[in-house]
PDB file of all heavy atoms in Angstrom:
ATOM      1  N   ARG A   1     244.341 -23.595  73.561  1.00  0.00           N
ATOM      2  CA  ARG A   1     243.991 -22.743  72.422  1.00  0.00           C
ATOM      3  C   ARG A   1     245.069 -21.676  72.255  1.00  0.00           C
ATOM      4  O   ARG A   1     245.078 -20.660  72.957  1.00  0.00           O
ATOM      5  CB  ARG A   1     242.621 -22.085  72.630  1.00  0.00           C
ATOM      6  CG  ARG A   1     241.488 -23.090  72.878  1.00  0.00           C
ATOM      7  CD  ARG A   1     240.139 -22.397  72.868  1.00  0.00           C
ATOM      8  NE  ARG A   1     239.877 -21.748  71.591  1.00  0.00           N
ATOM      9  CZ  ARG A   1     239.432 -22.383  70.506  1.00  0.00           C
ATOM     10  NH1 ARG A   1     239.208 -23.679  70.531  1.00  0.00           N
ATOM     11  NH2 ARG A   1     239.226 -21.710  69.397  1.00  0.00           N
ATOM     12  N   CYS A   2     245.954 -21.913  71.296  1.00  0.00           N
ATOM     13  CA  CYS A   2     247.128 -21.052  71.137  1.00  0.00           C
ATOM     14  C   CYS A   2     247.237 -20.513  69.715  1.00  0.00           C
ATOM     15  O   CYS A   2     246.746 -21.107  68.757  1.00  0.00           O
ATOM     16  CB  CYS A   2     248.404 -21.820  71.431  1.00  0.00           C
ATOM     17  SG  CYS A   2     248.441 -22.638  73.041  1.00  0.00           S
ATOM     18  N   PHE A   3     247.901 -19.355  69.614  1.00  0.00           N
ATOM     19  CA  PHE A   3     248.309 -18.866  68.299  1.00  0.00           C
ATOM     20  C   PHE A   3     249.419 -19.783  67.776  1.00  0.00           C
ATOM     21  O   PHE A   3     249.983 -20.597  68.515  1.00  0.00           O
ATOM     22  CB  PHE A   3     248.822 -17.436  68.397  1.00  0.00           C
ATOM     23  CG  PHE A   3     247.734 -16.424  68.665  1.00  0.00           C
ATOM     24  CD1 PHE A   3     247.586 -15.868  69.934  1.00  0.00           C
ATOM     25  CD2 PHE A   3     246.877 -16.020  67.645  1.00  0.00           C
ATOM     26  CE1 PHE A   3     246.592 -14.939  70.186  1.00  0.00           C
ATOM     27  CE2 PHE A   3     245.882 -15.090  67.893  1.00  0.00           C
ATOM     28  CZ  PHE A   3     245.738 -14.541  69.167  1.00  0.00           C
ATOM     29  N   ARG A   4     249.721 -19.627  66.511  1.00  0.00           N
ATOM     30  CA  ARG A   4     250.721 -20.515  65.896  1.00  0.00           C
ATOM     31  C   ARG A   4     252.110 -20.308  66.472  1.00  0.00           C
ATOM     32  O   ARG A   4     252.973 -21.185  66.329  1.00  0.00           O
ATOM     33  CB  ARG A   4     250.711 -20.357  64.374  1.00  0.00           C
ATOM     34  CG  ARG A   4     249.391 -20.835  63.778  1.00  0.00           C
ATOM     35  CD  ARG A   4     249.453 -21.040  62.284  1.00  0.00           C
ATOM     36  NE  ARG A   4     248.210 -21.672  61.823  1.00  0.00           N
ATOM     37  CZ  ARG A   4     247.972 -22.952  61.814  1.00  0.00           C
ATOM     38  NH1 ARG A   4     248.901 -23.798  62.271  1.00  0.00           N
ATOM     39  NH2 ARG A   4     246.829 -23.433  61.381  1.00  0.00           N
ATOM     40  N   ASN A   5     252.357 -19.185  67.121  1.00  0.00           N
ATOM     41  CA  ASN A   5     253.651 -18.954  67.766  1.00  0.00           C
ATOM     42  C   ASN A   5     253.693 -19.467  69.195  1.00  0.00           C
ATOM     43  O   ASN A   5     254.680 -19.267  69.901  1.00  0.00           O
ATOM     44  CB  ASN A   5     254.003 -17.461  67.740  1.00  0.00           C
ATOM     45  CG  ASN A   5     253.023 -16.619  68.538  1.00  0.00           C
ATOM     46  OD1 ASN A   5     252.111 -17.119  69.171  1.00  0.00           O
ATOM     47  ND2 ASN A   5     253.197 -15.291  68.492  1.00  0.00           N
ATOM     48  N   GLY A   6     252.592 -20.122  69.614  1.00  0.00           N
ATOM     49  CA  GLY A   6     252.551 -20.709  70.949  1.00  0.00           C
ATOM     50  C   GLY A   6     251.939 -19.826  72.008  1.00  0.00           C
ATOM     51  O   GLY A   6     251.708 -20.288  73.132  1.00  0.00           O
ATOM     52  N   GLU A   7     251.683 -18.568  71.704  1.00  0.00           N
ATOM     53  CA  GLU A   7     251.097 -17.666  72.680  1.00  0.00           C
ATOM     54  C   GLU A   7     249.622 -17.987  72.910  1.00  0.00           C
ATOM     55  O   GLU A   7     248.919 -18.396  72.007  1.00  0.00           O
ATOM     56  CB  GLU A   7     251.233 -16.217  72.210  1.00  0.00           C
ATOM     57  CG  GLU A   7     252.668 -15.702  72.173  1.00  0.00           C
ATOM     58  CD  GLU A   7     252.745 -14.247  71.742  1.00  0.00           C
ATOM     59  OE1 GLU A   7     251.657 -13.629  71.541  1.00  0.00           O
ATOM     60  OE2 GLU A   7     253.870 -13.730  71.594  1.00  0.00           O
ATOM     61  N   GLY A   8     249.180 -17.788  74.137  1.00  0.00           N
ATOM     62  CA  GLY A   8     247.784 -18.055  74.487  1.00  0.00           C
ATOM     63  C   GLY A   8     246.822 -17.025  73.926  1.00  0.00           C
ATOM     64  O   GLY A   8     247.208 -15.907  73.576  1.00  0.00           O
ATOM     65  N   THR A   9     245.569 -17.389  73.848  1.00  0.00           N
ATOM     66  CA  THR A   9     244.538 -16.536  73.265  1.00  0.00           C
ATOM     67  C   THR A   9     243.612 -15.890  74.287  1.00  0.00           C
ATOM     68  O   THR A   9     242.749 -15.083  73.930  1.00  0.00           O
ATOM     69  CB  THR A   9     243.657 -17.365  72.293  1.00  0.00           C
ATOM     70  OG1 THR A   9     243.066 -18.460  73.033  1.00  0.00           O
ATOM     71  CG2 THR A   9     244.477 -17.909  71.138  1.00  0.00           C
ATOM     72  N   PHE A  10     243.750 -16.218  75.540  1.00  0.00           N
ATOM     73  CA  PHE A  10     242.767 -15.837  76.556  1.00  0.00           C
ATOM     74  C   PHE A  10     242.499 -14.328  76.618  1.00  0.00           C
ATOM     75  O   PHE A  10     241.337 -13.905  76.602  1.00  0.00           O
ATOM     76  CB  PHE A  10     243.210 -16.353  77.927  1.00  0.00           C
ATOM     77  CG  PHE A  10     242.253 -16.024  79.035  1.00  0.00           C
ATOM     78  CD1 PHE A  10     241.156 -16.826  79.288  1.00  0.00           C
ATOM     79  CD2 PHE A  10     242.453 -14.892  79.842  1.00  0.00           C
ATOM     80  CE1 PHE A  10     240.264 -16.521  80.307  1.00  0.00           C
ATOM     81  CE2 PHE A  10     241.574 -14.585  80.860  1.00  0.00           C
ATOM     82  CZ  PHE A  10     240.472 -15.390  81.099  1.00  0.00           C
ATOM     83  N   GLU A  11     243.533 -13.548  76.720  1.00  0.00           N
ATOM     84  CA  GLU A  11     243.364 -12.107  76.861  1.00  0.00           C
ATOM     85  C   GLU A  11     242.623 -11.520  75.666  1.00  0.00           C
ATOM     86  O   GLU A  11     241.749 -10.651  75.805  1.00  0.00           O
ATOM     87  CB  GLU A  11     244.706 -11.397  77.055  1.00  0.00           C
ATOM     88  CG  GLU A  11     245.464 -11.824  78.304  1.00  0.00           C
ATOM     89  CD  GLU A  11     244.704 -11.522  79.597  1.00  0.00           C
ATOM     90  OE1 GLU A  11     243.805 -10.650  79.561  1.00  0.00           O
ATOM     91  OE2 GLU A  11     245.000 -12.158  80.621  1.00  0.00           O
ATOM     92  N   ARG A  12     242.946 -12.036  74.487  1.00  0.00           N
ATOM     93  CA  ARG A  12     242.274 -11.559  73.277  1.00  0.00           C
ATOM     94  C   ARG A  12     240.787 -11.940  73.291  1.00  0.00           C
ATOM     95  O   ARG A  12     239.934 -11.156  72.848  1.00  0.00           O
ATOM     96  CB  ARG A  12     242.965 -12.152  72.041  1.00  0.00           C
ATOM     97  CG  ARG A  12     242.440 -11.593  70.726  1.00  0.00           C
ATOM     98  CD  ARG A  12     242.842 -10.149  70.546  1.00  0.00           C
ATOM     99  NE  ARG A  12     242.210  -9.560  69.381  1.00  0.00           N
ATOM    100  CZ  ARG A  12     240.969  -9.032  69.373  1.00  0.00           C
ATOM    101  NH1 ARG A  12     240.272  -9.026  70.498  1.00  0.00           N
ATOM    102  NH2 ARG A  12     240.469  -8.527  68.293  1.00  0.00           N
ATOM    103  N   LEU A  13     240.463 -13.117  73.807  1.00  0.00           N
ATOM    104  CA  LEU A  13     239.081 -13.553  73.871  1.00  0.00           C
ATOM    105  C   LEU A  13     238.277 -12.695  74.824  1.00  0.00           C
ATOM    106  O   LEU A  13     237.093 -12.392  74.574  1.00  0.00           O
ATOM    107  CB  LEU A  13     239.010 -15.021  74.296  1.00  0.00           C
ATOM    108  CG  LEU A  13     239.677 -16.024  73.364  1.00  0.00           C
ATOM    109  CD1 LEU A  13     239.513 -17.436  73.902  1.00  0.00           C
ATOM    110  CD2 LEU A  13     239.106 -15.935  71.965  1.00  0.00           C
ATOM    111  N   MET A  14     238.868 -12.297  75.931  1.00  0.00           N
ATOM    112  CA  MET A  14     238.170 -11.448  76.875  1.00  0.00           C
ATOM    113  C   MET A  14     237.895 -10.066  76.274  1.00  0.00           C
ATOM    114  O   MET A  14     236.859  -9.448  76.524  1.00  0.00           O
ATOM    115  CB  MET A  14     238.979 -11.317  78.178  1.00  0.00           C
ATOM    116  CG  MET A  14     239.098 -12.638  78.958  1.00  0.00           C
ATOM    117  SD  MET A  14     237.494 -13.377  79.407  1.00  0.00           S
ATOM    118  CE  MET A  14     237.370 -14.661  78.149  1.00  0.00           C
ATOM    119  N   GLU A  15     238.830  -9.578  75.455  1.00  0.00           N
ATOM    120  CA  GLU A  15     238.611  -8.316  74.744  1.00  0.00           C
ATOM    121  C   GLU A  15     237.441  -8.433  73.770  1.00  0.00           C
ATOM    122  O   GLU A  15     236.608  -7.534  73.650  1.00  0.00           O
ATOM    123  CB  GLU A  15     239.876  -7.896  73.992  1.00  0.00           C
ATOM    124  CG  GLU A  15     241.044  -7.524  74.897  1.00  0.00           C
ATOM    125  CD  GLU A  15     242.327  -7.332  74.109  1.00  0.00           C
ATOM    126  OE1 GLU A  15     242.282  -7.429  72.839  1.00  0.00           O
ATOM    127  OE2 GLU A  15     243.385  -7.080  74.726  1.00  0.00           O
ATOM    128  N   THR A  16     237.367  -9.579  73.097  1.00  0.00           N
ATOM    129  CA  THR A  16     236.277  -9.814  72.146  1.00  0.00           C
ATOM    130  C   THR A  16     234.947  -9.895  72.861  1.00  0.00           C
ATOM    131  O   THR A  16     233.942  -9.322  72.401  1.00  0.00           O
ATOM    132  CB  THR A  16     236.543 -11.102  71.359  1.00  0.00           C
ATOM    133  OG1 THR A  16     237.686 -10.906  70.525  1.00  0.00           O
ATOM    134  CG2 THR A  16     235.360 -11.474  70.485  1.00  0.00           C
ATOM    135  N   ALA A  17     234.889 -10.606  73.977  1.00  0.00           N
ATOM    136  CA  ALA A  17     233.649 -10.700  74.753  1.00  0.00           C
ATOM    137  C   ALA A  17     233.191  -9.310  75.185  1.00  0.00           C
ATOM    138  O   ALA A  17     231.981  -9.009  75.157  1.00  0.00           O
ATOM    139  CB  ALA A  17     233.840 -11.606  75.958  1.00  0.00           C
ATOM    140  N   ALA A  18     234.125  -8.458  75.580  1.00  0.00           N
ATOM    141  CA  ALA A  18     233.771  -7.085  75.983  1.00  0.00           C
ATOM    142  C   ALA A  18     233.191  -6.302  74.799  1.00  0.00           C
ATOM    143  O   ALA A  18     232.229  -5.533  74.952  1.00  0.00           O
ATOM    144  CB  ALA A  18     234.995  -6.368  76.540  1.00  0.00           C
ATOM    145  N   LEU A  19     233.755  -6.490  73.603  1.00  0.00           N
ATOM    146  CA  LEU A  19     233.215  -5.842  72.412  1.00  0.00           C
ATOM    147  C   LEU A  19     231.803  -6.347  72.110  1.00  0.00           C
ATOM    148  O   LEU A  19     230.917  -5.547  71.749  1.00  0.00           O
ATOM    149  CB  LEU A  19     234.130  -6.089  71.215  1.00  0.00           C
ATOM    150  CG  LEU A  19     235.412  -5.292  71.123  1.00  0.00           C
ATOM    151  CD1 LEU A  19     236.291  -5.783  69.965  1.00  0.00           C
ATOM    152  CD2 LEU A  19     235.105  -3.809  70.950  1.00  0.00           C
ATOM    153  N   PHE A  20     231.589  -7.624  72.259  1.00  0.00           N
ATOM    154  CA  PHE A  20     230.267  -8.183  72.033  1.00  0.00           C
ATOM    155  C   PHE A  20     229.247  -7.578  73.003  1.00  0.00           C
ATOM    156  O   PHE A  20     228.121  -7.242  72.622  1.00  0.00           O
ATOM    157  CB  PHE A  20     230.285  -9.706  72.172  1.00  0.00           C
ATOM    158  CG  PHE A  20     230.939 -10.416  71.023  1.00  0.00           C
ATOM    159  CD1 PHE A  20     231.287 -11.761  71.143  1.00  0.00           C
ATOM    160  CD2 PHE A  20     231.195  -9.778  69.805  1.00  0.00           C
ATOM    161  CE1 PHE A  20     231.854 -12.438  70.074  1.00  0.00           C
ATOM    162  CE2 PHE A  20     231.774 -10.448  68.754  1.00  0.00           C
ATOM    163  CZ  PHE A  20     232.117 -11.784  68.884  1.00  0.00           C
ATOM    164  N   ASP A  21     229.646  -7.441  74.252  1.00  0.00           N
ATOM    165  CA  ASP A  21     228.749  -6.840  75.242  1.00  0.00           C
ATOM    166  C   ASP A  21     228.460  -5.370  74.881  1.00  0.00           C
ATOM    167  O   ASP A  21     227.325  -4.909  74.970  1.00  0.00           O
ATOM    168  CB  ASP A  21     229.370  -6.915  76.634  1.00  0.00           C
ATOM    169  CG  ASP A  21     229.422  -8.335  77.185  1.00  0.00           C
ATOM    170  OD1 ASP A  21     228.619  -9.170  76.738  1.00  0.00           O
ATOM    171  OD2 ASP A  21     230.270  -8.610  78.048  1.00  0.00           O
ATOM    172  N   GLN A  22     229.498  -4.678  74.473  1.00  0.00           N
ATOM    173  CA  GLN A  22     229.348  -3.252  74.135  1.00  0.00           C
ATOM    174  C   GLN A  22     228.385  -3.025  72.990  1.00  0.00           C
ATOM    175  O   GLN A  22     227.569  -2.095  73.016  1.00  0.00           O
ATOM    176  CB  GLN A  22     230.723  -2.659  73.801  1.00  0.00           C
ATOM    177  CG  GLN A  22     230.691  -1.190  73.441  1.00  0.00           C
ATOM    178  CD  GLN A  22     232.076  -0.653  73.074  1.00  0.00           C
ATOM    179  OE1 GLN A  22     233.099  -1.319  73.272  1.00  0.00           O
ATOM    180  NE2 GLN A  22     232.125   0.563  72.545  1.00  0.00           N
ATOM    181  N   TYR A  23     228.464  -3.894  71.984  1.00  0.00           N
ATOM    182  CA  TYR A  23     227.635  -3.716  70.773  1.00  0.00           C
ATOM    183  C   TYR A  23     226.434  -4.657  70.733  1.00  0.00           C
ATOM    184  O   TYR A  23     225.833  -4.853  69.690  1.00  0.00           O
ATOM    185  CB  TYR A  23     228.504  -3.859  69.530  1.00  0.00           C
ATOM    186  CG  TYR A  23     229.442  -2.671  69.397  1.00  0.00           C
ATOM    187  CD1 TYR A  23     230.786  -2.772  69.765  1.00  0.00           C
ATOM    188  CD2 TYR A  23     228.980  -1.440  68.945  1.00  0.00           C
ATOM    189  CE1 TYR A  23     231.652  -1.674  69.672  1.00  0.00           C
ATOM    190  CE2 TYR A  23     229.819  -0.345  68.848  1.00  0.00           C
ATOM    191  CZ  TYR A  23     231.148  -0.479  69.219  1.00  0.00           C
ATOM    192  OH  TYR A  23     231.971   0.623  69.129  1.00  0.00           O
ATOM    193  N   LYS A  24     226.117  -5.217  71.897  1.00  0.00           N
ATOM    194  CA  LYS A  24     224.902  -6.019  72.078  1.00  0.00           C
ATOM    195  C   LYS A  24     224.822  -7.169  71.049  1.00  0.00           C
ATOM    196  O   LYS A  24     223.769  -7.435  70.460  1.00  0.00           O
ATOM    197  CB  LYS A  24     223.651  -5.135  71.981  1.00  0.00           C
ATOM    198  CG  LYS A  24     223.578  -4.112  73.113  1.00  0.00           C
ATOM    199  CD  LYS A  24     222.348  -3.242  73.004  1.00  0.00           C
ATOM    200  CE  LYS A  24     222.145  -2.396  74.255  1.00  0.00           C
ATOM    201  NZ  LYS A  24     223.337  -1.583  74.624  1.00  0.00           N
ATOM    202  N   VAL A  25     225.942  -7.842  70.889  1.00  0.00           N
ATOM    203  CA  VAL A  25     225.990  -9.032  70.055  1.00  0.00           C
ATOM    204  C   VAL A  25     225.436 -10.210  70.863  1.00  0.00           C
ATOM    205  O   VAL A  25     225.811 -10.407  72.013  1.00  0.00           O
ATOM    206  CB  VAL A  25     227.437  -9.363  69.610  1.00  0.00           C
ATOM    207  CG1 VAL A  25     227.485 -10.649  68.792  1.00  0.00           C
ATOM    208  CG2 VAL A  25     228.003  -8.191  68.804  1.00  0.00           C
ATOM    209  N   GLU A  26     224.519 -10.965  70.273  1.00  0.00           N
ATOM    210  CA  GLU A  26     223.996 -12.152  70.932  1.00  0.00           C
ATOM    211  C   GLU A  26     225.030 -13.289  70.779  1.00  0.00           C
ATOM    212  O   GLU A  26     225.321 -13.696  69.665  1.00  0.00           O
ATOM    213  CB  GLU A  26     222.678 -12.568  70.317  1.00  0.00           C
ATOM    214  CG  GLU A  26     221.995 -13.718  71.026  1.00  0.00           C
ATOM    215  CD  GLU A  26     220.659 -14.111  70.391  1.00  0.00           C
ATOM    216  OE1 GLU A  26     220.244 -13.436  69.434  1.00  0.00           O
ATOM    217  OE2 GLU A  26     220.074 -15.104  70.872  1.00  0.00           O
ATOM    218  N   TYR A  27     225.577 -13.747  71.889  1.00  0.00           N
ATOM    219  CA  TYR A  27     226.626 -14.766  71.764  1.00  0.00           C
ATOM    220  C   TYR A  27     226.546 -15.777  72.901  1.00  0.00           C
ATOM    221  O   TYR A  27     225.955 -15.549  73.945  1.00  0.00           O
ATOM    222  CB  TYR A  27     228.021 -14.124  71.736  1.00  0.00           C
ATOM    223  CG  TYR A  27     228.512 -13.512  73.029  1.00  0.00           C
ATOM    224  CD1 TYR A  27     229.435 -14.179  73.826  1.00  0.00           C
ATOM    225  CD2 TYR A  27     228.071 -12.248  73.443  1.00  0.00           C
ATOM    226  CE1 TYR A  27     229.904 -13.608  75.013  1.00  0.00           C
ATOM    227  CE2 TYR A  27     228.544 -11.669  74.598  1.00  0.00           C
ATOM    228  CZ  TYR A  27     229.460 -12.356  75.392  1.00  0.00           C
ATOM    229  OH  TYR A  27     229.940 -11.795  76.547  1.00  0.00           O
ATOM    230  N   ASN A  28     227.127 -16.934  72.636  1.00  0.00           N
ATOM    231  CA  ASN A  28     227.253 -17.971  73.640  1.00  0.00           C
ATOM    232  C   ASN A  28     228.695 -18.443  73.663  1.00  0.00           C
ATOM    233  O   ASN A  28     229.486 -18.164  72.748  1.00  0.00           O
ATOM    234  CB  ASN A  28     226.300 -19.139  73.323  1.00  0.00           C
ATOM    235  CG  ASN A  28     226.580 -19.776  71.982  1.00  0.00           C
ATOM    236  OD1 ASN A  28     227.494 -20.599  71.833  1.00  0.00           O
ATOM    237  ND2 ASN A  28     225.819 -19.387  70.976  1.00  0.00           N
ATOM    238  N   ILE A  29     229.043 -19.130  74.716  1.00  0.00           N
ATOM    239  CA  ILE A  29     230.412 -19.653  74.890  1.00  0.00           C
ATOM    240  C   ILE A  29     230.428 -21.146  74.560  1.00  0.00           C
ATOM    241  O   ILE A  29     229.609 -21.923  75.053  1.00  0.00           O
ATOM    242  CB  ILE A  29     230.891 -19.446  76.332  1.00  0.00           C
ATOM    243  CG1 ILE A  29     230.871 -17.968  76.726  1.00  0.00           C
ATOM    244  CG2 ILE A  29     232.271 -20.060  76.544  1.00  0.00           C
ATOM    245  CD1 ILE A  29     231.790 -17.080  75.887  1.00  0.00           C
ATOM    246  N   LEU A  30     231.352 -21.514  73.690  1.00  0.00           N
ATOM    247  CA  LEU A  30     231.550 -22.923  73.369  1.00  0.00           C
ATOM    248  C   LEU A  30     232.880 -23.390  73.954  1.00  0.00           C
ATOM    249  O   LEU A  30     233.935 -22.798  73.684  1.00  0.00           O
ATOM    250  CB  LEU A  30     231.541 -23.144  71.857  1.00  0.00           C
ATOM    251  CG  LEU A  30     231.637 -24.609  71.406  1.00  0.00           C
ATOM    252  CD1 LEU A  30     230.839 -24.836  70.131  1.00  0.00           C
ATOM    253  CD2 LEU A  30     233.079 -25.064  71.182  1.00  0.00           C
ATOM    254  N   THR A  31     232.816 -24.443  74.754  1.00  0.00           N
ATOM    255  CA  THR A  31     234.005 -25.002  75.408  1.00  0.00           C
ATOM    256  C   THR A  31     234.161 -26.447  75.007  1.00  0.00           C
ATOM    257  O   THR A  31     233.210 -27.239  75.115  1.00  0.00           O
ATOM    258  CB  THR A  31     233.879 -24.889  76.934  1.00  0.00           C
ATOM    259  OG1 THR A  31     233.795 -23.513  77.321  1.00  0.00           O
ATOM    260  CG2 THR A  31     235.054 -25.540  77.638  1.00  0.00           C
ATOM    261  N   VAL A  32     235.348 -26.808  74.558  1.00  0.00           N
ATOM    262  CA  VAL A  32     235.647 -28.194  74.231  1.00  0.00           C
ATOM    263  C   VAL A  32     236.099 -28.887  75.509  1.00  0.00           C
ATOM    264  O   VAL A  32     237.000 -28.422  76.211  1.00  0.00           O
ATOM    265  CB  VAL A  32     236.745 -28.284  73.155  1.00  0.00           C
ATOM    266  CG1 VAL A  32     237.107 -29.751  72.889  1.00  0.00           C
ATOM    267  CG2 VAL A  32     236.282 -27.608  71.862  1.00  0.00           C
ATOM    268  N   VAL A  33     235.457 -30.001  75.821  1.00  0.00           N
ATOM    269  CA  VAL A  33     235.728 -30.709  77.069  1.00  0.00           C
ATOM    270  C   VAL A  33     236.915 -31.631  76.890  1.00  0.00           C
ATOM    271  O   VAL A  33     236.818 -32.727  76.316  1.00  0.00           O
ATOM    272  CB  VAL A  33     234.497 -31.500  77.556  1.00  0.00           C
ATOM    273  CG1 VAL A  33     234.798 -32.121  78.939  1.00  0.00           C
ATOM    274  CG2 VAL A  33     233.273 -30.604  77.640  1.00  0.00           C
ATOM    275  N   THR A  34     238.053 -31.205  77.353  1.00  0.00           N
ATOM    276  CA  THR A  34     239.278 -31.997  77.359  1.00  0.00           C
ATOM    277  C   THR A  34     239.527 -32.509  78.785  1.00  0.00           C
ATOM    278  O   THR A  34     238.825 -32.148  79.729  1.00  0.00           O
ATOM    279  CB  THR A  34     240.464 -31.138  76.917  1.00  0.00           C
ATOM    280  OG1 THR A  34     240.515 -29.986  77.788  1.00  0.00           O
ATOM    281  CG2 THR A  34     240.310 -30.677  75.479  1.00  0.00           C
ATOM    282  N   LYS A  35     240.577 -33.312  78.923  1.00  0.00           N
ATOM    283  CA  LYS A  35     240.962 -33.759  80.271  1.00  0.00           C
ATOM    284  C   LYS A  35     241.213 -32.558  81.173  1.00  0.00           C
ATOM    285  O   LYS A  35     240.797 -32.553  82.361  1.00  0.00           O
ATOM    286  CB  LYS A  35     242.219 -34.647  80.176  1.00  0.00           C
ATOM    287  CG  LYS A  35     242.705 -35.160  81.531  1.00  0.00           C
ATOM    288  CD  LYS A  35     244.005 -35.923  81.407  1.00  0.00           C
ATOM    289  CE  LYS A  35     243.812 -37.234  80.712  1.00  0.00           C
ATOM    290  NZ  LYS A  35     243.060 -38.212  81.543  1.00  0.00           N
ATOM    291  N   GLN A  36     241.870 -31.530  80.635  1.00  0.00           N
ATOM    292  CA  GLN A  36     242.192 -30.365  81.448  1.00  0.00           C
ATOM    293  C   GLN A  36     240.935 -29.629  81.905  1.00  0.00           C
ATOM    294  O   GLN A  36     240.867 -29.137  83.050  1.00  0.00           O
ATOM    295  CB  GLN A  36     243.108 -29.420  80.647  1.00  0.00           C
ATOM    296  CG  GLN A  36     244.487 -29.963  80.407  1.00  0.00           C
ATOM    297  CD  GLN A  36     244.581 -30.925  79.216  1.00  0.00           C
ATOM    298  OE1 GLN A  36     243.580 -31.357  78.676  1.00  0.00           O
ATOM    299  NE2 GLN A  36     245.807 -31.237  78.805  1.00  0.00           N
ATOM    300  N   VAL A  37     239.940 -29.546  81.035  1.00  0.00           N
ATOM    301  CA  VAL A  37     238.682 -28.883  81.412  1.00  0.00           C
ATOM    302  C   VAL A  37     237.956 -29.686  82.482  1.00  0.00           C
ATOM    303  O   VAL A  37     237.402 -29.109  83.441  1.00  0.00           O
ATOM    304  CB  VAL A  37     237.798 -28.675  80.173  1.00  0.00           C
ATOM    305  CG1 VAL A  37     236.375 -28.252  80.571  1.00  0.00           C
ATOM    306  CG2 VAL A  37     238.406 -27.611  79.250  1.00  0.00           C
ATOM    307  N   THR A  38     237.963 -31.002  82.373  1.00  0.00           N
ATOM    308  CA  THR A  38     237.247 -31.810  83.372  1.00  0.00           C
ATOM    309  C   THR A  38     237.811 -31.616  84.761  1.00  0.00           C
ATOM    310  O   THR A  38     237.072 -31.632  85.754  1.00  0.00           O
ATOM    311  CB  THR A  38     237.311 -33.323  83.027  1.00  0.00           C
ATOM    312  OG1 THR A  38     238.662 -33.800  83.128  1.00  0.00           O
ATOM    313  CG2 THR A  38     236.783 -33.594  81.627  1.00  0.00           C
ATOM    314  N   LYS A  39     239.123 -31.433  84.846  1.00  0.00           N
ATOM    315  CA  LYS A  39     239.751 -31.289  86.162  1.00  0.00           C
ATOM    316  C   LYS A  39     239.481 -29.919  86.809  1.00  0.00           C
ATOM    317  O   LYS A  39     239.692 -29.750  88.006  1.00  0.00           O
ATOM    318  CB  LYS A  39     241.277 -31.457  86.015  1.00  0.00           C
ATOM    319  CG  LYS A  39     241.721 -32.756  85.381  1.00  0.00           C
ATOM    320  CD  LYS A  39     241.318 -33.972  86.172  1.00  0.00           C
ATOM    321  CE  LYS A  39     241.888 -35.248  85.530  1.00  0.00           C
ATOM    322  NZ  LYS A  39     241.380 -36.465  86.220  1.00  0.00           N
ATOM    323  N   ASN A  40     239.012 -28.983  85.995  1.00  0.00           N
ATOM    324  CA  ASN A  40     238.848 -27.628  86.500  1.00  0.00           C
ATOM    325  C   ASN A  40     237.447 -27.049  86.281  1.00  0.00           C
ATOM    326  O   ASN A  40     237.260 -25.831  86.336  1.00  0.00           O
ATOM    327  CB  ASN A  40     239.873 -26.716  85.798  1.00  0.00           C
ATOM    328  CG  ASN A  40     241.311 -27.066  86.112  1.00  0.00           C
ATOM    329  OD1 ASN A  40     241.849 -26.651  87.130  1.00  0.00           O
ATOM    330  ND2 ASN A  40     241.938 -27.848  85.247  1.00  0.00           N
ATOM    331  N   ILE A  41     236.462 -27.906  86.024  1.00  0.00           N
ATOM    332  CA  ILE A  41     235.163 -27.415  85.614  1.00  0.00           C
ATOM    333  C   ILE A  41     234.475 -26.560  86.671  1.00  0.00           C
ATOM    334  O   ILE A  41     233.763 -25.598  86.352  1.00  0.00           O
ATOM    335  CB  ILE A  41     234.232 -28.568  85.143  1.00  0.00           C
ATOM    336  CG1 ILE A  41     232.936 -27.993  84.561  1.00  0.00           C
ATOM    337  CG2 ILE A  41     233.952 -29.523  86.276  1.00  0.00           C
ATOM    338  CD1 ILE A  41     233.098 -26.990  83.453  1.00  0.00           C
ATOM    339  N   LYS A  42     234.664 -26.842  87.948  1.00  0.00           N
ATOM    340  CA  LYS A  42     234.021 -26.015  88.981  1.00  0.00           C
ATOM    341  C   LYS A  42     234.534 -24.584  88.920  1.00  0.00           C
ATOM    342  O   LYS A  42     233.741 -23.615  88.992  1.00  0.00           O
ATOM    343  CB  LYS A  42     234.268 -26.614  90.367  1.00  0.00           C
ATOM    344  CG  LYS A  42     233.598 -27.957  90.582  1.00  0.00           C
ATOM    345  CD  LYS A  42     233.894 -28.489  91.986  1.00  0.00           C
ATOM    346  CE  LYS A  42     233.237 -29.845  92.208  1.00  0.00           C
ATOM    347  NZ  LYS A  42     233.535 -30.370  93.580  1.00  0.00           N
ATOM    348  N   GLU A  43     235.846 -24.420  88.800  1.00  0.00           N
ATOM    349  CA  GLU A  43     236.430 -23.084  88.708  1.00  0.00           C
ATOM    350  C   GLU A  43     236.026 -22.408  87.405  1.00  0.00           C
ATOM    351  O   GLU A  43     235.761 -21.201  87.371  1.00  0.00           O
ATOM    352  CB  GLU A  43     237.949 -23.159  88.804  1.00  0.00           C
ATOM    353  CG  GLU A  43     238.477 -23.634  90.152  1.00  0.00           C
ATOM    354  CD  GLU A  43     238.380 -25.133  90.362  1.00  0.00           C
ATOM    355  OE1 GLU A  43     238.118 -25.871  89.369  1.00  0.00           O
ATOM    356  OE2 GLU A  43     238.565 -25.585  91.519  1.00  0.00           O
ATOM    357  N   ILE A  44     235.963 -23.192  86.322  1.00  0.00           N
ATOM    358  CA  ILE A  44     235.579 -22.648  85.020  1.00  0.00           C
ATOM    359  C   ILE A  44     234.146 -22.141  85.063  1.00  0.00           C
ATOM    360  O   ILE A  44     233.834 -21.056  84.572  1.00  0.00           O
ATOM    361  CB  ILE A  44     235.761 -23.717  83.917  1.00  0.00           C
ATOM    362  CG1 ILE A  44     237.257 -23.953  83.681  1.00  0.00           C
ATOM    363  CG2 ILE A  44     235.062 -23.300  82.629  1.00  0.00           C
ATOM    364  CD1 ILE A  44     237.556 -25.139  82.773  1.00  0.00           C
TER     365      ILE A  44
END
């Protein structure tokens, strides 16, 4: 999951999750199961 310039989005997503927690937004996490996710699901 990258920006169009190739940079990753992870740090920005963690900032967003913190904002959701701060303002009591009801949210869930959606993860697309790719080969890479399957190999790392325990850690994830």
